Amino acid sequence: MIRYNTKNWAILVVQLRGSVLFSVLPQMLIAGIAGLIAAWTHSEYDYEATSTVHLYIGVALGFLLVFRANLAYDRYWEGRRLLGELTSNARDLTVQLTTFVEGDDDEARQERFEIRRLLNVLFNAIIADIRNDDALKSYQEMLAPSEREILEVQKFNRPGIIAQWLSRQLTSSARHARITEQRLHIMHECVSKFLSLWSSLEAIAHTPLPYPYAQLLKSFLMIYITTAPFTYVQSFEWLTPVVAALMAYGLVGIDEVGVEIENPFGSDANDLPLESIREVVKTDTQQILSLRNAPEQLAEARENETVSKYNRARVGLLR
């Protein structure tokens, strides 16, 4: 995702990274050629088409483009909202982990570490799935050898398998009397929410714009940009190819923006920053778990500081 200053027009206009310019160059070239043909026919035969038909086509095309752009942005924003909920759910489960799983012995610490590990594996598996990434590269260092072997064979429904491992680990902690039944139920609800959010993210990632709509829109665009130059050739004459190319950039560019953002889970410049979100979840869950005993540690530190000040004061008086 490109972060930019919305008030800096100069950078917005000239920056090519993330622009749809290169995507629409073929259509601009086609429109320019159509404009050149229109200019030649007007120069040789004084031919000019009526603009009445194009007026009606333009109205219909404008409606299709606006609907297309709104639909794509809705999908983009919904994807970001769902990722926010996924991140929040990971933090929520980690907070529950630090307070619900009782015990300060080595076994209890190991159980909390294992639950956090599986939580991060599940989060990363969901991100990989919505990216259509079959490789385990992004989270293989978190996996045990036996888990890696299972997931290398099972390329589908990996988040479901990992959620099962996570639920099994929570149930094991409950059997060891570290989690009460009520708390276990609350934590299982968080695991279920992971799967629910995964399904919603899948719907965005794997459901494209309906084919008839996409076909109709692109057909209308192609017809419009190749025939419109014949309606305004009398006004622009040999500048018609330039005007036609610019018009194609505007109209086709709107459609390409929709194509660019309708699936925001890829690795393009305009897609959501999934790698950054992964790192945020990994860091946050680690910090939350590491600060489990922070209140006790802070109280002990304050007590030590008070004793140290008292001892320094006594030394000063004795001197």
C-alpha atoms as a PDB file:
ATOM      1  CA  MET A   1       0.000   0.000   0.000  1.00  0.00           C
ATOM      2  CA  ILE A   2       1.360   3.414  -1.001  1.00  0.00           C
ATOM      3  CA  ARG A   3       1.228   6.111   1.670  1.00  0.00           C
ATOM      4  CA  TYR A   4       1.149   9.616   0.238  1.00  0.00           C
ATOM      5  CA  ASN A   5       0.421  13.239   1.034  1.00  0.00           C
ATOM      6  CA  THR A   6      -3.059  13.981  -0.301  1.00  0.00           C
ATOM      7  CA  LYS A   7      -2.235  17.704  -0.520  1.00  0.00           C
ATOM      8  CA  ASN A   8       0.888  17.289  -2.666  1.00  0.00           C
ATOM      9  CA  TRP A   9      -0.479  17.484  -6.201  1.00  0.00           C
ATOM     10  CA  ALA A  10       2.937  17.468  -7.857  1.00  0.00           C
ATOM     11  CA  ILE A  11       3.927  14.076  -6.442  1.00  0.00           C
ATOM     12  CA  LEU A  12       0.484  12.590  -7.096  1.00  0.00           C
ATOM     13  CA  VAL A  13       0.535  13.628 -10.750  1.00  0.00           C
ATOM     14  CA  VAL A  14       4.079  12.582 -11.686  1.00  0.00           C
ATOM     15  CA  GLN A  15       4.622   9.477  -9.524  1.00  0.00           C
ATOM     16  CA  LEU A  16       4.404   6.324 -11.653  1.00  0.00           C
ATOM     17  CA  ARG A  17       4.633   3.711  -8.859  1.00  0.00           C
ATOM     18  CA  GLY A  18       1.104   2.399  -8.311  1.00  0.00           C
ATOM     19  CA  SER A  19      -0.258   4.252 -11.332  1.00  0.00           C
ATOM     20  CA  VAL A  20      -2.574   2.536 -13.827  1.00  0.00           C
ATOM     21  CA  LEU A  21      -0.875   4.351 -16.719  1.00  0.00           C
ATOM     22  CA  PHE A  22       1.106   1.336 -17.887  1.00  0.00           C
ATOM     23  CA  SER A  23      -2.003  -0.869 -17.675  1.00  0.00           C
ATOM     24  CA  VAL A  24      -3.997   1.373 -20.010  1.00  0.00           C
ATOM     25  CA  LEU A  25      -1.252   2.112 -22.557  1.00  0.00           C
ATOM     26  CA  PRO A  26      -2.548  -0.504 -25.051  1.00  0.00           C
ATOM     27  CA  GLN A  27      -6.047   0.996 -24.974  1.00  0.00           C
ATOM     28  CA  MET A  28      -4.600   4.501 -25.292  1.00  0.00           C
ATOM     29  CA  LEU A  29      -2.649   3.357 -28.345  1.00  0.00           C
ATOM     30  CA  ILE A  30      -5.788   1.847 -29.895  1.00  0.00           C
ATOM     31  CA  ALA A  31      -7.744   5.056 -29.220  1.00  0.00           C
ATOM     32  CA  GLY A  32      -4.898   7.128 -30.674  1.00  0.00           C
ATOM     33  CA  ILE A  33      -4.901   5.030 -33.851  1.00  0.00           C
ATOM     34  CA  ALA A  34      -8.686   5.431 -34.105  1.00  0.00           C
ATOM     35  CA  GLY A  35      -8.207   9.200 -33.686  1.00  0.00           C
ATOM     36  CA  LEU A  36      -5.581   9.222 -36.431  1.00  0.00           C
ATOM     37  CA  ILE A  37      -7.946   7.365 -38.794  1.00  0.00           C
ATOM     38  CA  ALA A  38     -10.735   9.805 -37.887  1.00  0.00           C
ATOM     39  CA  ALA A  39      -8.453  12.796 -38.608  1.00  0.00           C
ATOM     40  CA  TRP A  40      -7.392  11.312 -41.962  1.00  0.00           C
ATOM     41  CA  THR A  41     -10.949  10.515 -43.106  1.00  0.00           C
ATOM     42  CA  HIS A  42     -12.066  13.997 -42.099  1.00  0.00           C
ATOM     43  CA  SER A  43      -9.151  15.558 -43.963  1.00  0.00           C
ATOM     44  CA  GLU A  44      -9.666  13.467 -47.107  1.00  0.00           C
ATOM     45  CA  TYR A  45     -13.447  12.993 -47.204  1.00  0.00           C
ATOM     46  CA  ASP A  46     -14.735  15.588 -44.742  1.00  0.00           C
ATOM     47  CA  TYR A  47     -16.383  12.784 -42.772  1.00  0.00           C
ATOM     48  CA  GLU A  48     -17.784  13.365 -39.266  1.00  0.00           C
ATOM     49  CA  ALA A  49     -20.126  11.048 -37.322  1.00  0.00           C
ATOM     50  CA  THR A  50     -23.108  12.230 -35.333  1.00  0.00           C
ATOM     51  CA  SER A  51     -22.659  12.515 -31.589  1.00  0.00           C
ATOM     52  CA  THR A  52     -26.234  11.563 -30.639  1.00  0.00           C
ATOM     53  CA  VAL A  53     -25.590   7.830 -30.311  1.00  0.00           C
ATOM     54  CA  HIS A  54     -22.406   8.418 -28.350  1.00  0.00           C
ATOM     55  CA  LEU A  55     -24.266  10.663 -25.958  1.00  0.00           C
ATOM     56  CA  TYR A  56     -26.546   7.766 -24.935  1.00  0.00           C
ATOM     57  CA  ILE A  57     -23.642   5.310 -24.850  1.00  0.00           C
ATOM     58  CA  GLY A  58     -21.691   7.730 -22.665  1.00  0.00           C
ATOM     59  CA  VAL A  59     -24.513   7.941 -20.117  1.00  0.00           C
ATOM     60  CA  ALA A  60     -24.753   4.156 -19.851  1.00  0.00           C
ATOM     61  CA  LEU A  61     -20.975   3.844 -19.729  1.00  0.00           C
ATOM     62  CA  GLY A  62     -20.718   6.428 -16.967  1.00  0.00           C
ATOM     63  CA  PHE A  63     -23.229   4.503 -14.866  1.00  0.00           C
ATOM     64  CA  LEU A  64     -21.337   1.243 -15.397  1.00  0.00           C
ATOM     65  CA  LEU A  65     -17.999   2.834 -14.483  1.00  0.00           C
ATOM     66  CA  VAL A  66     -19.312   4.493 -11.307  1.00  0.00           C
ATOM     67  CA  PHE A  67     -20.918   1.254 -10.164  1.00  0.00           C
ATOM     68  CA  ARG A  68     -17.709  -0.632 -10.964  1.00  0.00           C
ATOM     69  CA  ALA A  69     -15.520   1.787  -9.010  1.00  0.00           C
ATOM     70  CA  ASN A  70     -17.843   1.799  -5.976  1.00  0.00           C
ATOM     71  CA  LEU A  71     -18.043  -1.992  -5.932  1.00  0.00           C
ATOM     72  CA  ALA A  72     -14.251  -2.338  -6.104  1.00  0.00           C
ATOM     73  CA  TYR A  73     -13.669   0.179  -3.304  1.00  0.00           C
ATOM     74  CA  ASP A  74     -16.299  -1.530  -1.130  1.00  0.00           C
ATOM     75  CA  ARG A  75     -14.393  -4.799  -1.538  1.00  0.00           C
ATOM     76  CA  TYR A  76     -11.097  -3.058  -0.735  1.00  0.00           C
ATOM     77  CA  TRP A  77     -12.431  -1.418   2.409  1.00  0.00           C
ATOM     78  CA  GLU A  78     -14.245  -4.576   3.519  1.00  0.00           C
ATOM     79  CA  GLY A  79     -10.990  -6.500   3.150  1.00  0.00           C
ATOM     80  CA  ARG A  80      -9.193  -3.942   5.334  1.00  0.00           C
ATOM     81  CA  ARG A  81     -11.947  -4.054   7.936  1.00  0.00           C
ATOM     82  CA  LEU A  82     -11.836  -7.852   8.108  1.00  0.00           C
ATOM     83  CA  LEU A  83      -8.039  -7.804   8.461  1.00  0.00           C
ATOM     84  CA  GLY A  84      -8.451  -5.334  11.313  1.00  0.00           C
ATOM     85  CA  GLU A  85     -10.883  -7.702  13.021  1.00  0.00           C
ATOM     86  CA  LEU A  86      -8.487 -10.610  12.444  1.00  0.00           C
ATOM     87  CA  THR A  87      -5.648  -8.646  14.059  1.00  0.00           C
ATOM     88  CA  SER A  88      -7.856  -7.579  16.965  1.00  0.00           C
ATOM     89  CA  ASN A  89      -8.956 -11.169  17.509  1.00  0.00           C
ATOM     90  CA  ALA A  90      -5.314 -12.316  17.662  1.00  0.00           C
ATOM     91  CA  ARG A  91      -4.548  -9.701  20.310  1.00  0.00           C
ATOM     92  CA  ASP A  92      -7.718 -10.570  22.220  1.00  0.00           C
ATOM     93  CA  LEU A  93      -6.866 -14.265  22.344  1.00  0.00           C
ATOM     94  CA  THR A  94      -3.319 -13.441  23.490  1.00  0.00           C
ATOM     95  CA  VAL A  95      -4.641 -11.263  26.328  1.00  0.00           C
ATOM     96  CA  GLN A  96      -6.964 -14.097  27.338  1.00  0.00           C
ATOM     97  CA  LEU A  97      -4.001 -16.444  27.169  1.00  0.00           C
ATOM     98  CA  THR A  98      -2.014 -14.366  29.658  1.00  0.00           C
ATOM     99  CA  THR A  99      -4.886 -14.127  32.155  1.00  0.00           C
ATOM    100  CA  PHE A 100      -6.887 -17.334  31.708  1.00  0.00           C
ATOM    101  CA  VAL A 101      -4.071 -19.904  31.621  1.00  0.00           C
ATOM    102  CA  GLU A 102      -2.998 -20.165  35.257  1.00  0.00           C
ATOM    103  CA  GLY A 103       0.340 -21.186  36.693  1.00  0.00           C
ATOM    104  CA  ASP A 104       3.877 -19.830  36.703  1.00  0.00           C
ATOM    105  CA  ASP A 105       5.772 -23.109  36.512  1.00  0.00           C
ATOM    106  CA  ASP A 106       7.770 -24.141  33.456  1.00  0.00           C
ATOM    107  CA  GLU A 107       4.974 -26.358  32.134  1.00  0.00           C
ATOM    108  CA  ALA A 108       2.442 -23.513  32.278  1.00  0.00           C
ATOM    109  CA  ARG A 109       4.860 -21.161  30.511  1.00  0.00           C
ATOM    110  CA  GLN A 110       5.426 -23.793  27.828  1.00  0.00           C
ATOM    111  CA  GLU A 111       1.672 -24.197  27.300  1.00  0.00           C
ATOM    112  CA  ARG A 112       1.220 -20.437  26.925  1.00  0.00           C
ATOM    113  CA  PHE A 113       4.124 -20.300  24.467  1.00  0.00           C
ATOM    114  CA  GLU A 114       2.642 -23.174  22.456  1.00  0.00           C
ATOM    115  CA  ILE A 115      -0.797 -21.560  22.254  1.00  0.00           C
ATOM    116  CA  ARG A 116       0.729 -18.257  21.126  1.00  0.00           C
ATOM    117  CA  ARG A 117       2.832 -20.078  18.519  1.00  0.00           C
ATOM    118  CA  LEU A 118      -0.210 -21.844  17.058  1.00  0.00           C
ATOM    119  CA  LEU A 119      -2.137 -18.561  17.108  1.00  0.00           C
ATOM    120  CA  ASN A 120       0.545 -16.913  14.955  1.00  0.00           C
ATOM    121  CA  VAL A 121       0.706 -19.947  12.668  1.00  0.00           C
ATOM    122  CA  LEU A 122      -3.067 -19.745  12.172  1.00  0.00           C
ATOM    123  CA  PHE A 123      -2.918 -16.005  11.415  1.00  0.00           C
ATOM    124  CA  ASN A 124      -0.128 -16.489   8.861  1.00  0.00           C
ATOM    125  CA  ALA A 125      -1.890 -19.471   7.269  1.00  0.00           C
ATOM    126  CA  ILE A 126      -5.017 -17.369   6.720  1.00  0.00           C
ATOM    127  CA  ILE A 127      -2.948 -14.603   5.080  1.00  0.00           C
ATOM    128  CA  ALA A 128      -1.202 -17.145   2.840  1.00  0.00           C
ATOM    129  CA  ASP A 129      -4.524 -18.722   1.863  1.00  0.00           C
ATOM    130  CA  ILE A 130      -6.198 -15.486   0.763  1.00  0.00           C
ATOM    131  CA  ARG A 131      -3.065 -14.767  -1.279  1.00  0.00           C
ATOM    132  CA  ASN A 132      -3.316 -18.161  -3.010  1.00  0.00           C
ATOM    133  CA  ASP A 133       0.146 -18.941  -1.655  1.00  0.00           C
ATOM    134  CA  ASP A 134       0.601 -22.715  -1.365  1.00  0.00           C
ATOM    135  CA  ALA A 135       4.145 -22.417   0.015  1.00  0.00           C
ATOM    136  CA  LEU A 136       4.852 -22.564   3.742  1.00  0.00           C
ATOM    137  CA  LYS A 137       7.754 -20.130   3.418  1.00  0.00           C
ATOM    138  CA  SER A 138       6.103 -17.266   5.296  1.00  0.00           C
ATOM    139  CA  TYR A 139       5.568 -19.269   8.496  1.00  0.00           C
ATOM    140  CA  GLN A 140       7.516 -22.518   8.204  1.00  0.00           C
ATOM    141  CA  GLU A 141       9.964 -21.441  10.938  1.00  0.00           C
ATOM    142  CA  MET A 142       7.043 -21.488  13.392  1.00  0.00           C
ATOM    143  CA  LEU A 143       6.097 -25.081  12.584  1.00  0.00           C
ATOM    144  CA  ALA A 144       7.251 -28.275  14.258  1.00  0.00           C
ATOM    145  CA  PRO A 145       8.707 -30.871  11.843  1.00  0.00           C
ATOM    146  CA  SER A 146       5.621 -33.113  12.120  1.00  0.00           C
ATOM    147  CA  GLU A 147       3.297 -30.163  11.480  1.00  0.00           C
ATOM    148  CA  ARG A 148       5.327 -29.132   8.440  1.00  0.00           C
ATOM    149  CA  GLU A 149       5.038 -32.614   6.976  1.00  0.00           C
ATOM    150  CA  ILE A 150       1.255 -32.603   7.381  1.00  0.00           C
ATOM    151  CA  LEU A 151       0.801 -29.160   5.827  1.00  0.00           C
ATOM    152  CA  GLU A 152       3.116 -29.896   2.907  1.00  0.00           C
ATOM    153  CA  VAL A 153       0.826 -32.772   1.944  1.00  0.00           C
ATOM    154  CA  GLN A 154      -2.423 -30.984   2.813  1.00  0.00           C
ATOM    155  CA  LYS A 155      -2.459 -27.884   0.592  1.00  0.00           C
ATOM    156  CA  PHE A 156      -6.135 -27.085   1.137  1.00  0.00           C
ATOM    157  CA  ASN A 157      -7.915 -26.041   4.334  1.00  0.00           C
ATOM    158  CA  ARG A 158      -4.656 -25.407   6.161  1.00  0.00           C
ATOM    159  CA  PRO A 159      -6.184 -22.760   8.476  1.00  0.00           C
ATOM    160  CA  GLY A 160      -8.875 -25.277   9.470  1.00  0.00           C
ATOM    161  CA  ILE A 161      -6.237 -27.879  10.355  1.00  0.00           C
ATOM    162  CA  ILE A 162      -4.202 -25.375  12.393  1.00  0.00           C
ATOM    163  CA  ALA A 163      -7.342 -24.170  14.181  1.00  0.00           C
ATOM    164  CA  GLN A 164      -7.945 -27.786  15.182  1.00  0.00           C
ATOM    165  CA  TRP A 165      -4.422 -27.978  16.637  1.00  0.00           C
ATOM    166  CA  LEU A 166      -4.998 -24.734  18.534  1.00  0.00           C
ATOM    167  CA  SER A 167      -8.333 -25.952  19.964  1.00  0.00           C
ATOM    168  CA  ARG A 168      -6.700 -29.232  20.946  1.00  0.00           C
ATOM    169  CA  GLN A 169      -3.953 -27.355  22.811  1.00  0.00           C
ATOM    170  CA  LEU A 170      -6.531 -25.251  24.669  1.00  0.00           C
ATOM    171  CA  THR A 171      -8.466 -28.375  25.614  1.00  0.00           C
ATOM    172  CA  SER A 172      -5.240 -29.987  26.855  1.00  0.00           C
ATOM    173  CA  SER A 173      -4.613 -26.986  29.114  1.00  0.00           C
ATOM    174  CA  ALA A 174      -8.145 -27.339  30.463  1.00  0.00           C
ATOM    175  CA  ARG A 175      -7.519 -31.027  31.230  1.00  0.00           C
ATOM    176  CA  HIS A 176      -4.440 -29.988  33.190  1.00  0.00           C
ATOM    177  CA  ALA A 177      -6.708 -27.669  35.239  1.00  0.00           C
ATOM    178  CA  ARG A 178      -5.023 -24.521  33.940  1.00  0.00           C
ATOM    179  CA  ILE A 179      -8.164 -23.206  32.232  1.00  0.00           C
ATOM    180  CA  THR A 180     -11.685 -23.395  33.631  1.00  0.00           C
ATOM    181  CA  GLU A 181     -14.527 -24.657  31.428  1.00  0.00           C
ATOM    182  CA  GLN A 182     -16.031 -21.178  31.187  1.00  0.00           C
ATOM    183  CA  ARG A 183     -12.736 -19.626  30.136  1.00  0.00           C
ATOM    184  CA  LEU A 184     -12.114 -22.464  27.688  1.00  0.00           C
ATOM    185  CA  HIS A 185     -15.469 -21.697  26.043  1.00  0.00           C
ATOM    186  CA  ILE A 186     -14.511 -18.005  25.656  1.00  0.00           C
ATOM    187  CA  MET A 187     -11.160 -18.892  24.074  1.00  0.00           C
ATOM    188  CA  HIS A 188     -12.795 -21.413  21.746  1.00  0.00           C
ATOM    189  CA  GLU A 189     -15.085 -18.609  20.556  1.00  0.00           C
ATOM    190  CA  CYS A 190     -11.990 -16.624  19.520  1.00  0.00           C
ATOM    191  CA  VAL A 191     -10.718 -19.614  17.533  1.00  0.00           C
ATOM    192  CA  SER A 192     -14.136 -19.921  15.868  1.00  0.00           C
ATOM    193  CA  LYS A 193     -14.017 -16.224  15.014  1.00  0.00           C
ATOM    194  CA  PHE A 194     -10.708 -16.789  13.212  1.00  0.00           C
ATOM    195  CA  LEU A 195     -12.433 -19.318  10.961  1.00  0.00           C
ATOM    196  CA  SER A 196     -15.427 -17.041  10.407  1.00  0.00           C
ATOM    197  CA  LEU A 197     -13.191 -14.132   9.387  1.00  0.00           C
ATOM    198  CA  TRP A 198     -11.184 -16.467   7.139  1.00  0.00           C
ATOM    199  CA  SER A 199     -14.392 -17.408   5.288  1.00  0.00           C
ATOM    200  CA  SER A 200     -15.275 -13.740   4.789  1.00  0.00           C
ATOM    201  CA  LEU A 201     -11.783 -12.925   3.513  1.00  0.00           C
ATOM    202  CA  GLU A 202     -11.950 -15.914   1.156  1.00  0.00           C
ATOM    203  CA  ALA A 203     -15.178 -14.569  -0.320  1.00  0.00           C
ATOM    204  CA  ILE A 204     -13.398 -11.361  -1.329  1.00  0.00           C
ATOM    205  CA  ALA A 205     -10.201 -13.054  -2.504  1.00  0.00           C
ATOM    206  CA  HIS A 206     -11.789 -15.791  -4.600  1.00  0.00           C
ATOM    207  CA  THR A 207     -14.964 -14.146  -5.948  1.00  0.00           C
ATOM    208  CA  PRO A 208     -14.269 -11.860  -8.931  1.00  0.00           C
ATOM    209  CA  LEU A 209     -16.655  -9.405 -10.537  1.00  0.00           C
ATOM    210  CA  PRO A 210     -19.348 -11.390 -12.419  1.00  0.00           C
ATOM    211  CA  TYR A 211     -18.142 -12.170 -15.933  1.00  0.00           C
ATOM    212  CA  PRO A 212     -21.138 -10.733 -17.867  1.00  0.00           C
ATOM    213  CA  TYR A 213     -20.717  -7.375 -16.120  1.00  0.00           C
ATOM    214  CA  ALA A 214     -16.979  -7.255 -16.773  1.00  0.00           C
ATOM    215  CA  GLN A 215     -17.477  -8.290 -20.409  1.00  0.00           C
ATOM    216  CA  LEU A 216     -20.226  -5.713 -21.014  1.00  0.00           C
ATOM    217  CA  LEU A 217     -18.215  -2.908 -19.424  1.00  0.00           C
ATOM    218  CA  LYS A 218     -15.039  -3.612 -21.380  1.00  0.00           C
ATOM    219  CA  SER A 219     -16.958  -4.060 -24.638  1.00  0.00           C
ATOM    220  CA  PHE A 220     -18.710  -0.711 -24.145  1.00  0.00           C
ATOM    221  CA  LEU A 221     -15.384   0.935 -23.334  1.00  0.00           C
ATOM    222  CA  MET A 222     -13.676  -0.441 -26.424  1.00  0.00           C
ATOM    223  CA  ILE A 223     -16.556   0.586 -28.711  1.00  0.00           C
ATOM    224  CA  TYR A 224     -16.694   4.054 -27.182  1.00  0.00           C
ATOM    225  CA  ILE A 225     -12.985   4.930 -27.284  1.00  0.00           C
ATOM    226  CA  THR A 226     -12.584   3.690 -30.890  1.00  0.00           C
ATOM    227  CA  THR A 227     -15.639   5.434 -32.341  1.00  0.00           C
ATOM    228  CA  ALA A 228     -15.836   8.630 -30.260  1.00  0.00           C
ATOM    229  CA  PRO A 229     -12.970  10.352 -32.165  1.00  0.00           C
ATOM    230  CA  PHE A 230     -15.162  10.448 -35.273  1.00  0.00           C
ATOM    231  CA  THR A 231     -17.676  12.650 -33.388  1.00  0.00           C
ATOM    232  CA  TYR A 232     -15.246  15.417 -32.341  1.00  0.00           C
ATOM    233  CA  VAL A 233     -12.725  15.271 -35.191  1.00  0.00           C
ATOM    234  CA  GLN A 234     -14.072  18.492 -36.697  1.00  0.00           C
ATOM    235  CA  SER A 235     -13.187  20.384 -33.516  1.00  0.00           C
ATOM    236  CA  PHE A 236      -9.680  18.971 -32.982  1.00  0.00           C
ATOM    237  CA  GLU A 237      -8.684  17.834 -36.499  1.00  0.00           C
ATOM    238  CA  TRP A 238      -5.088  16.462 -36.327  1.00  0.00           C
ATOM    239  CA  LEU A 239      -5.055  16.782 -32.540  1.00  0.00           C
ATOM    240  CA  THR A 240      -7.801  14.162 -32.413  1.00  0.00           C
ATOM    241  CA  PRO A 241      -5.381  11.237 -31.717  1.00  0.00           C
ATOM    242  CA  VAL A 242      -4.041  13.042 -28.622  1.00  0.00           C
ATOM    243  CA  VAL A 243      -7.540  13.828 -27.340  1.00  0.00           C
ATOM    244  CA  ALA A 244      -8.668  10.243 -27.997  1.00  0.00           C
ATOM    245  CA  ALA A 245      -5.687   8.831 -26.096  1.00  0.00           C
ATOM    246  CA  LEU A 246      -6.346  11.129 -23.129  1.00  0.00           C
ATOM    247  CA  MET A 247     -10.026  10.191 -23.112  1.00  0.00           C
ATOM    248  CA  ALA A 248      -9.078   6.503 -23.147  1.00  0.00           C
ATOM    249  CA  TYR A 249      -6.719   7.094 -20.215  1.00  0.00           C
ATOM    250  CA  GLY A 250      -9.536   8.618 -18.173  1.00  0.00           C
ATOM    251  CA  LEU A 251     -12.277   6.108 -18.972  1.00  0.00           C
ATOM    252  CA  VAL A 252     -10.246   2.904 -19.126  1.00  0.00           C
ATOM    253  CA  GLY A 253      -8.192   4.110 -16.160  1.00  0.00           C
ATOM    254  CA  ILE A 254     -11.296   4.130 -13.949  1.00  0.00           C
ATOM    255  CA  ASP A 255     -11.960   0.512 -14.886  1.00  0.00           C
ATOM    256  CA  GLU A 256      -8.314  -0.432 -14.263  1.00  0.00           C
ATOM    257  CA  VAL A 257      -8.431   1.163 -10.814  1.00  0.00           C
ATOM    258  CA  GLY A 258     -11.351  -1.142 -10.039  1.00  0.00           C
ATOM    259  CA  VAL A 259      -9.376  -4.140 -11.316  1.00  0.00           C
ATOM    260  CA  GLU A 260      -6.385  -3.072  -9.210  1.00  0.00           C
ATOM    261  CA  ILE A 261      -8.202  -2.769  -5.880  1.00  0.00           C
ATOM    262  CA  GLU A 262     -11.044  -5.314  -6.088  1.00  0.00           C
ATOM    263  CA  ASN A 263      -8.726  -7.986  -4.641  1.00  0.00           C
ATOM    264  CA  PRO A 264      -6.538  -6.158  -2.077  1.00  0.00           C
ATOM    265  CA  PHE A 265      -4.641  -9.212  -0.799  1.00  0.00           C
ATOM    266  CA  GLY A 266      -1.910  -9.510  -3.425  1.00  0.00           C
ATOM    267  CA  SER A 267       1.618  -8.122  -3.431  1.00  0.00           C
ATOM    268  CA  ASP A 268       1.145  -5.157  -5.773  1.00  0.00           C
ATOM    269  CA  ALA A 269       1.945  -1.604  -4.733  1.00  0.00           C
ATOM    270  CA  ASN A 270      -1.740  -0.780  -4.177  1.00  0.00           C
ATOM    271  CA  ASP A 271      -2.608  -3.909  -2.185  1.00  0.00           C
ATOM    272  CA  LEU A 272      -2.973  -3.975   1.587  1.00  0.00           C
ATOM    273  CA  PRO A 273       0.300  -4.246   3.590  1.00  0.00           C
ATOM    274  CA  LEU A 274      -0.130  -7.879   4.655  1.00  0.00           C
ATOM    275  CA  GLU A 275       3.551  -8.358   5.498  1.00  0.00           C
ATOM    276  CA  SER A 276       3.462  -5.381   7.875  1.00  0.00           C
ATOM    277  CA  ILE A 277       0.280  -6.681   9.486  1.00  0.00           C
ATOM    278  CA  ARG A 278       1.930 -10.080   9.986  1.00  0.00           C
ATOM    279  CA  GLU A 279       4.875  -8.465  11.767  1.00  0.00           C
ATOM    280  CA  VAL A 280       2.578  -6.315  13.910  1.00  0.00           C
ATOM    281  CA  VAL A 281       0.635  -9.367  15.114  1.00  0.00           C
ATOM    282  CA  LYS A 282       3.834 -11.323  15.773  1.00  0.00           C
ATOM    283  CA  THR A 283       5.362  -8.445  17.769  1.00  0.00           C
ATOM    284  CA  ASP A 284       2.182  -7.561  19.674  1.00  0.00           C
ATOM    285  CA  THR A 285       1.422 -11.113  20.766  1.00  0.00           C
ATOM    286  CA  GLN A 286       5.026 -11.583  21.882  1.00  0.00           C
ATOM    287  CA  GLN A 287       4.979  -8.370  23.917  1.00  0.00           C
ATOM    288  CA  ILE A 288       1.612  -9.137  25.513  1.00  0.00           C
ATOM    289  CA  LEU A 289       2.781 -12.572  26.584  1.00  0.00           C
ATOM    290  CA  SER A 290       6.186 -11.346  27.806  1.00  0.00           C
ATOM    291  CA  LEU A 291       4.549  -8.671  29.983  1.00  0.00           C
ATOM    292  CA  ARG A 292       2.261 -11.167  31.740  1.00  0.00           C
ATOM    293  CA  ASN A 293       4.011 -10.628  35.069  1.00  0.00           C
ATOM    294  CA  ALA A 294       4.635  -6.928  34.466  1.00  0.00           C
ATOM    295  CA  PRO A 295       2.560  -5.665  37.467  1.00  0.00           C
ATOM    296  CA  GLU A 296       4.495  -7.896  39.878  1.00  0.00           C
ATOM    297  CA  GLN A 297       7.794  -6.989  38.240  1.00  0.00           C
ATOM    298  CA  LEU A 298       6.952  -3.281  38.401  1.00  0.00           C
ATOM    299  CA  ALA A 299       5.983  -3.514  42.072  1.00  0.00           C
ATOM    300  CA  GLU A 300       9.202  -5.356  42.853  1.00  0.00           C
ATOM    301  CA  ALA A 301      11.256  -2.790  40.948  1.00  0.00           C
ATOM    302  CA  ARG A 302       9.584   0.071  42.817  1.00  0.00           C
ATOM    303  CA  GLU A 303      10.187  -1.661  46.129  1.00  0.00           C
ATOM    304  CA  ASN A 304      13.853  -2.180  45.255  1.00  0.00           C
ATOM    305  CA  GLU A 305      14.134   1.455  44.204  1.00  0.00           C
ATOM    306  CA  THR A 306      12.598   2.576  47.518  1.00  0.00           C
ATOM    307  CA  VAL A 307      15.008   0.385  49.498  1.00  0.00           C
ATOM    308  CA  SER A 308      17.922   1.696  47.447  1.00  0.00           C
ATOM    309  CA  LYS A 309      16.943   5.314  48.129  1.00  0.00           C
ATOM    310  CA  TYR A 310      16.570   4.553  51.840  1.00  0.00           C
ATOM    311  CA  ASN A 311      20.024   2.926  51.965  1.00  0.00           C
ATOM    312  CA  ARG A 312      21.589   5.866  50.113  1.00  0.00           C
ATOM    313  CA  ALA A 313      19.939   8.247  52.583  1.00  0.00           C
ATOM    314  CA  ARG A 314      21.319   6.279  55.542  1.00  0.00           C
ATOM    315  CA  VAL A 315      24.807   6.313  54.057  1.00  0.00           C
ATOM    316  CA  GLY A 316      24.524  10.070  53.627  1.00  0.00           C
ATOM    317  CA  LEU A 317      23.476  10.560  57.286  1.00  0.00           C
ATOM    318  CA  LEU A 318      26.290   8.347  58.561  1.00  0.00           C
ATOM    319  CA  ARG A 319      28.767  10.412  56.636  1.00  0.00           C
END
